[in-house]
Amino acid sequence: MRISENKVNPALQRQVQEMLFQAISDLKNPSEARQFFSDFFTEAEYEVFTKRMAIAYWLKKGRTYANIKKNLKVSSATIANIQEMMTRPGFELLLKKVEAEEWATLWANRIKKFVGSTN
C-alpha cells in the first residue's frame, strides 16, 4: 500500500486521526465492528489487516512459518515483518485482548456446561 506524497497539515491529521480512533472505540459489538471495517476498508486493505492479526496470533500460539504460509497464503518475509512488529505495544495490546476474549469464552462455556449438568 502506497502512502500519499501529499501531506496534510499535521494538526489537522492528528484531529482526523482522533476522530477515527473515537469512532472505532465507540463501536458497541463485533457486528458493528465487522460492518464498519468491511465497509471502510477496500477488500485488499481488509485482507491485509486481518492476515496481519492472524499471523501475529498464530506466531504467539507457536505455529510454524510453514503452517502460516500454507494456511494464510503469505510469504516468509511477511511473517518475519509481523514477527518484528509483535513487540510493538499496539500488537501486544491486540493479542492480549484476543487472549482475554478466548479465556472468557472458554470459561463461559465451562460454566454453561456445569450449570446445565446440575439441572
N, C-alpha and C. Protein backbone atom coordinates (compact mmCIF):
# COMPACT_ATOMS: atom_id res chain seq x y z
N MET A 1 0.85 -1.17 0.00
CA MET A 1 0.00 0.00 0.00
C MET A 1 0.90 1.23 0.00
N ARG A 2 0.61 2.15 -0.89
CA ARG A 2 1.40 3.38 -1.02
C ARG A 2 0.83 4.48 -0.16
N ILE A 3 1.71 5.25 0.45
CA ILE A 3 1.29 6.41 1.23
C ILE A 3 1.38 7.62 0.31
N SER A 4 0.38 8.47 0.39
CA SER A 4 0.33 9.66 -0.45
C SER A 4 1.52 10.57 -0.17
N GLU A 5 2.03 11.15 -1.22
CA GLU A 5 3.13 12.12 -1.08
C GLU A 5 2.60 13.49 -0.68
N ASN A 6 1.30 13.72 -0.84
CA ASN A 6 0.66 14.99 -0.49
C ASN A 6 0.34 14.96 1.00
N LYS A 7 1.13 15.66 1.79
CA LYS A 7 0.99 15.63 3.24
C LYS A 7 -0.06 16.64 3.72
N VAL A 8 -0.86 16.18 4.66
CA VAL A 8 -1.88 17.01 5.30
C VAL A 8 -1.21 17.75 6.44
N ASN A 9 -1.73 18.92 6.77
CA ASN A 9 -1.25 19.68 7.91
C ASN A 9 -1.23 18.74 9.13
N PRO A 10 -0.11 18.65 9.86
CA PRO A 10 0.00 17.71 10.99
C PRO A 10 -1.09 17.89 12.06
N ALA A 11 -1.47 19.13 12.36
CA ALA A 11 -2.51 19.37 13.36
C ALA A 11 -3.85 18.81 12.88
N LEU A 12 -4.16 19.04 11.60
CA LEU A 12 -5.40 18.52 11.03
C LEU A 12 -5.36 16.99 11.00
N GLN A 13 -4.22 16.43 10.64
CA GLN A 13 -4.10 14.98 10.59
C GLN A 13 -4.34 14.36 11.96
N ARG A 14 -3.77 14.96 13.02
CA ARG A 14 -4.00 14.46 14.39
C ARG A 14 -5.47 14.54 14.75
N GLN A 15 -6.12 15.62 14.37
CA GLN A 15 -7.54 15.80 14.68
C GLN A 15 -8.38 14.73 13.99
N VAL A 16 -8.11 14.49 12.73
CA VAL A 16 -8.85 13.48 11.98
C VAL A 16 -8.57 12.08 12.53
N GLN A 17 -7.32 11.81 12.89
CA GLN A 17 -6.98 10.52 13.48
C GLN A 17 -7.73 10.31 14.80
N GLU A 18 -7.80 11.34 15.62
CA GLU A 18 -8.53 11.24 16.88
C GLU A 18 -10.01 10.95 16.64
N MET A 19 -10.58 11.58 15.61
CA MET A 19 -11.98 11.29 15.27
C MET A 19 -12.15 9.82 14.90
N LEU A 20 -11.23 9.30 14.11
CA LEU A 20 -11.27 7.89 13.71
C LEU A 20 -11.15 6.98 14.93
N PHE A 21 -10.17 7.26 15.80
CA PHE A 21 -9.97 6.43 16.98
C PHE A 21 -11.20 6.45 17.87
N GLN A 22 -11.82 7.62 18.02
CA GLN A 22 -13.01 7.73 18.85
C GLN A 22 -14.16 6.94 18.23
N ALA A 23 -14.33 7.06 16.92
CA ALA A 23 -15.40 6.33 16.24
C ALA A 23 -15.22 4.82 16.42
N ILE A 24 -13.99 4.35 16.27
CA ILE A 24 -13.73 2.91 16.43
C ILE A 24 -14.00 2.49 17.87
N SER A 25 -13.55 3.29 18.83
CA SER A 25 -13.75 2.90 20.24
C SER A 25 -15.23 2.95 20.63
N ASP A 26 -16.04 3.67 19.90
CA ASP A 26 -17.48 3.75 20.19
C ASP A 26 -18.29 2.59 19.59
N LEU A 27 -17.65 1.76 18.78
CA LEU A 27 -18.37 0.61 18.23
C LEU A 27 -18.79 -0.29 19.38
N LYS A 28 -20.04 -0.76 19.36
CA LYS A 28 -20.60 -1.44 20.52
C LYS A 28 -20.38 -2.94 20.58
N ASN A 29 -20.17 -3.58 19.44
CA ASN A 29 -20.07 -5.03 19.44
C ASN A 29 -19.38 -5.50 18.16
N PRO A 30 -19.06 -6.80 18.10
CA PRO A 30 -18.39 -7.31 16.91
C PRO A 30 -19.18 -7.11 15.61
N SER A 31 -20.48 -7.11 15.69
CA SER A 31 -21.28 -6.90 14.48
C SER A 31 -21.07 -5.50 13.92
N GLU A 32 -21.10 -4.50 14.79
CA GLU A 32 -20.85 -3.12 14.35
C GLU A 32 -19.42 -2.98 13.82
N ALA A 33 -18.47 -3.60 14.51
CA ALA A 33 -17.08 -3.53 14.07
C ALA A 33 -16.91 -4.17 12.70
N ARG A 34 -17.53 -5.34 12.52
CA ARG A 34 -17.45 -6.04 11.22
C ARG A 34 -18.02 -5.16 10.11
N GLN A 35 -19.17 -4.55 10.38
CA GLN A 35 -19.81 -3.69 9.37
C GLN A 35 -18.91 -2.50 9.04
N PHE A 36 -18.38 -1.86 10.07
CA PHE A 36 -17.52 -0.70 9.84
C PHE A 36 -16.29 -1.08 9.03
N PHE A 37 -15.53 -2.07 9.49
CA PHE A 37 -14.27 -2.41 8.83
C PHE A 37 -14.49 -2.93 7.42
N SER A 38 -15.53 -3.72 7.21
CA SER A 38 -15.75 -4.25 5.86
C SER A 38 -16.19 -3.16 4.89
N ASP A 39 -16.86 -2.13 5.39
CA ASP A 39 -17.27 -1.02 4.53
C ASP A 39 -16.18 0.05 4.39
N PHE A 40 -15.40 0.24 5.43
CA PHE A 40 -14.41 1.31 5.46
C PHE A 40 -13.17 0.96 4.65
N PHE A 41 -12.70 -0.27 4.78
CA PHE A 41 -11.52 -0.71 4.05
C PHE A 41 -11.90 -1.26 2.69
N THR A 42 -10.98 -1.15 1.74
CA THR A 42 -11.17 -1.88 0.50
C THR A 42 -11.00 -3.37 0.83
N GLU A 43 -11.39 -4.22 -0.08
CA GLU A 43 -11.27 -5.66 0.15
C GLU A 43 -9.80 -6.04 0.41
N ALA A 44 -8.89 -5.46 -0.35
CA ALA A 44 -7.46 -5.76 -0.18
C ALA A 44 -6.94 -5.25 1.18
N GLU A 45 -7.34 -4.04 1.58
CA GLU A 45 -6.91 -3.50 2.87
C GLU A 45 -7.43 -4.36 4.02
N TYR A 46 -8.68 -4.77 3.92
CA TYR A 46 -9.31 -5.60 4.94
C TYR A 46 -8.57 -6.94 5.05
N GLU A 47 -8.21 -7.52 3.92
CA GLU A 47 -7.48 -8.78 3.91
C GLU A 47 -6.10 -8.62 4.55
N VAL A 48 -5.39 -7.56 4.22
CA VAL A 48 -4.07 -7.31 4.81
C VAL A 48 -4.20 -7.15 6.33
N PHE A 49 -5.17 -6.38 6.75
CA PHE A 49 -5.40 -6.12 8.17
C PHE A 49 -5.69 -7.42 8.93
N THR A 50 -6.59 -8.23 8.41
CA THR A 50 -6.96 -9.47 9.09
C THR A 50 -5.84 -10.50 9.05
N LYS A 51 -5.11 -10.57 7.93
CA LYS A 51 -3.99 -11.51 7.86
C LYS A 51 -2.90 -11.11 8.85
N ARG A 52 -2.67 -9.81 9.00
CA ARG A 52 -1.67 -9.33 9.95
C ARG A 52 -2.00 -9.82 11.36
N MET A 53 -3.25 -9.66 11.73
CA MET A 53 -3.66 -10.10 13.06
C MET A 53 -3.54 -11.62 13.19
N ALA A 54 -3.95 -12.35 12.17
CA ALA A 54 -3.89 -13.81 12.21
C ALA A 54 -2.45 -14.30 12.31
N ILE A 55 -1.56 -13.69 11.57
CA ILE A 55 -0.14 -14.08 11.63
C ILE A 55 0.39 -13.87 13.04
N ALA A 56 0.13 -12.72 13.62
CA ALA A 56 0.61 -12.43 14.97
C ALA A 56 0.02 -13.42 15.98
N TYR A 57 -1.27 -13.68 15.86
CA TYR A 57 -1.94 -14.61 16.77
C TYR A 57 -1.33 -16.00 16.66
N TRP A 58 -1.16 -16.48 15.45
CA TRP A 58 -0.62 -17.83 15.26
C TRP A 58 0.84 -17.93 15.67
N LEU A 59 1.63 -16.88 15.42
CA LEU A 59 3.00 -16.89 15.90
C LEU A 59 3.02 -16.99 17.42
N LYS A 60 2.16 -16.23 18.06
CA LYS A 60 2.08 -16.26 19.54
C LYS A 60 1.67 -17.64 20.03
N LYS A 61 0.85 -18.33 19.25
CA LYS A 61 0.40 -19.68 19.62
C LYS A 61 1.43 -20.76 19.26
N GLY A 62 2.53 -20.36 18.62
CA GLY A 62 3.59 -21.29 18.33
C GLY A 62 3.53 -21.99 16.99
N ARG A 63 2.68 -21.52 16.11
CA ARG A 63 2.62 -22.13 14.77
C ARG A 63 3.90 -21.82 14.00
N THR A 64 4.25 -22.72 13.10
CA THR A 64 5.46 -22.56 12.29
C THR A 64 5.20 -21.63 11.11
N TYR A 65 6.30 -21.10 10.57
CA TYR A 65 6.20 -20.28 9.37
C TYR A 65 5.52 -21.09 8.26
N ALA A 66 5.92 -22.34 8.10
CA ALA A 66 5.36 -23.17 7.03
C ALA A 66 3.85 -23.31 7.17
N ASN A 67 3.39 -23.52 8.38
CA ASN A 67 1.95 -23.66 8.62
C ASN A 67 1.22 -22.36 8.30
N ILE A 68 1.78 -21.25 8.74
CA ILE A 68 1.15 -19.95 8.50
C ILE A 68 1.15 -19.63 7.00
N LYS A 69 2.28 -19.87 6.33
CA LYS A 69 2.36 -19.64 4.88
C LYS A 69 1.29 -20.43 4.15
N LYS A 70 1.17 -21.69 4.49
CA LYS A 70 0.21 -22.57 3.81
C LYS A 70 -1.23 -22.13 4.05
N ASN A 71 -1.57 -21.83 5.28
CA ASN A 71 -2.95 -21.51 5.62
C ASN A 71 -3.38 -20.10 5.23
N LEU A 72 -2.48 -19.14 5.37
CA LEU A 72 -2.85 -17.75 5.09
C LEU A 72 -2.39 -17.25 3.73
N LYS A 73 -1.62 -18.08 3.03
CA LYS A 73 -1.12 -17.70 1.69
C LYS A 73 -0.32 -16.41 1.75
N VAL A 74 0.67 -16.38 2.66
CA VAL A 74 1.55 -15.24 2.81
C VAL A 74 2.99 -15.71 2.66
N SER A 75 3.91 -14.77 2.48
CA SER A 75 5.32 -15.11 2.30
C SER A 75 6.03 -15.16 3.66
N SER A 76 7.19 -15.78 3.65
CA SER A 76 8.03 -15.81 4.86
C SER A 76 8.42 -14.40 5.26
N ALA A 77 8.66 -13.54 4.27
CA ALA A 77 9.03 -12.15 4.56
C ALA A 77 7.90 -11.43 5.29
N THR A 78 6.67 -11.67 4.88
CA THR A 78 5.53 -11.05 5.56
C THR A 78 5.45 -11.53 7.00
N ILE A 79 5.63 -12.82 7.21
CA ILE A 79 5.58 -13.37 8.56
C ILE A 79 6.69 -12.77 9.41
N ALA A 80 7.89 -12.67 8.85
CA ALA A 80 9.02 -12.09 9.58
C ALA A 80 8.75 -10.63 9.94
N ASN A 81 8.15 -9.88 9.03
CA ASN A 81 7.80 -8.47 9.32
C ASN A 81 6.82 -8.39 10.48
N ILE A 82 5.82 -9.24 10.46
CA ILE A 82 4.82 -9.23 11.53
C ILE A 82 5.47 -9.65 12.84
N GLN A 83 6.35 -10.64 12.78
CA GLN A 83 7.03 -11.08 14.00
C GLN A 83 7.81 -9.94 14.63
N GLU A 84 8.46 -9.12 13.82
CA GLU A 84 9.16 -7.94 14.34
C GLU A 84 8.19 -6.93 14.94
N MET A 85 7.03 -6.77 14.30
CA MET A 85 6.04 -5.79 14.74
C MET A 85 5.34 -6.22 16.04
N MET A 86 5.39 -7.51 16.35
CA MET A 86 4.68 -8.02 17.52
C MET A 86 5.20 -7.47 18.85
N THR A 87 6.38 -6.89 18.85
CA THR A 87 6.91 -6.30 20.09
C THR A 87 6.37 -4.89 20.33
N ARG A 88 5.69 -4.36 19.35
CA ARG A 88 5.12 -3.01 19.50
C ARG A 88 3.93 -3.07 20.45
N PRO A 89 3.74 -2.02 21.23
CA PRO A 89 2.66 -2.01 22.22
C PRO A 89 1.26 -2.26 21.63
N GLY A 90 1.01 -1.74 20.44
CA GLY A 90 -0.30 -1.93 19.83
C GLY A 90 -0.58 -3.39 19.51
N PHE A 91 0.42 -4.08 18.99
CA PHE A 91 0.27 -5.52 18.71
C PHE A 91 0.10 -6.29 20.01
N GLU A 92 0.90 -5.95 21.01
CA GLU A 92 0.79 -6.64 22.30
C GLU A 92 -0.60 -6.44 22.90
N LEU A 93 -1.12 -5.24 22.80
CA LEU A 93 -2.45 -4.95 23.31
C LEU A 93 -3.52 -5.76 22.58
N LEU A 94 -3.43 -5.78 21.26
CA LEU A 94 -4.40 -6.55 20.47
C LEU A 94 -4.38 -8.02 20.85
N LEU A 95 -3.18 -8.59 20.96
CA LEU A 95 -3.07 -10.01 21.29
C LEU A 95 -3.58 -10.29 22.71
N LYS A 96 -3.36 -9.38 23.64
CA LYS A 96 -3.89 -9.55 24.99
C LYS A 96 -5.42 -9.53 24.97
N LYS A 97 -5.99 -8.65 24.16
CA LYS A 97 -7.45 -8.58 24.05
C LYS A 97 -8.01 -9.88 23.47
N VAL A 98 -7.36 -10.40 22.44
CA VAL A 98 -7.81 -11.64 21.82
C VAL A 98 -7.71 -12.79 22.82
N GLU A 99 -6.60 -12.87 23.55
CA GLU A 99 -6.42 -13.93 24.53
C GLU A 99 -7.43 -13.81 25.67
N ALA A 100 -7.72 -12.59 26.10
CA ALA A 100 -8.71 -12.39 27.16
C ALA A 100 -10.09 -12.85 26.70
N GLU A 101 -10.42 -12.56 25.46
CA GLU A 101 -11.71 -12.99 24.90
C GLU A 101 -11.78 -14.51 24.82
N GLU A 102 -10.67 -15.12 24.40
CA GLU A 102 -10.62 -16.59 24.35
C GLU A 102 -10.84 -17.19 25.73
N TRP A 103 -10.15 -16.63 26.72
CA TRP A 103 -10.26 -17.12 28.08
C TRP A 103 -11.69 -16.96 28.59
N ALA A 104 -12.29 -15.80 28.34
CA ALA A 104 -13.66 -15.56 28.80
C ALA A 104 -14.64 -16.52 28.13
N THR A 105 -14.48 -16.75 26.86
CA THR A 105 -15.36 -17.68 26.13
C THR A 105 -15.19 -19.10 26.66
N LEU A 106 -13.96 -19.52 26.87
CA LEU A 106 -13.69 -20.86 27.40
C LEU A 106 -14.40 -21.06 28.74
N TRP A 107 -14.23 -20.12 29.65
CA TRP A 107 -14.85 -20.26 30.97
C TRP A 107 -16.36 -20.09 30.93
N ALA A 108 -16.87 -19.25 30.06
CA ALA A 108 -18.32 -19.13 29.92
C ALA A 108 -18.91 -20.46 29.46
N ASN A 109 -18.26 -21.11 28.52
CA ASN A 109 -18.74 -22.41 28.04
C ASN A 109 -18.65 -23.47 29.12
N ARG A 110 -17.58 -23.47 29.90
CA ARG A 110 -17.45 -24.43 31.00
C ARG A 110 -18.54 -24.22 32.05
N ILE A 111 -18.81 -22.96 32.37
CA ILE A 111 -19.85 -22.66 33.35
C ILE A 111 -21.21 -23.09 32.83
N LYS A 112 -21.50 -22.82 31.55
CA LYS A 112 -22.77 -23.25 30.96
C LYS A 112 -22.93 -24.77 31.04
N LYS A 113 -21.86 -25.50 30.74
CA LYS A 113 -21.91 -26.97 30.82
C LYS A 113 -22.16 -27.42 32.26
N PHE A 114 -21.45 -26.79 33.21
CA PHE A 114 -21.60 -27.17 34.60
C PHE A 114 -23.02 -26.87 35.10
N VAL A 115 -23.51 -25.68 34.82
CA VAL A 115 -24.85 -25.29 35.25
C VAL A 115 -25.89 -26.17 34.56
N GLY A 116 -25.67 -26.44 33.28
CA GLY A 116 -26.58 -27.30 32.55
C GLY A 116 -26.59 -28.72 33.07
N SER A 117 -25.46 -29.22 33.58
CA SER A 117 -25.39 -30.60 34.08
C SER A 117 -25.96 -30.75 35.46
N THR A 118 -26.14 -29.63 36.19
CA THR A 118 -26.69 -29.72 37.55
C THR A 118 -28.21 -29.56 37.55
N ASN A 119 -28.80 -29.23 36.43
CA ASN A 119 -30.26 -29.06 36.37
C ASN A 119 -30.95 -30.35 36.00
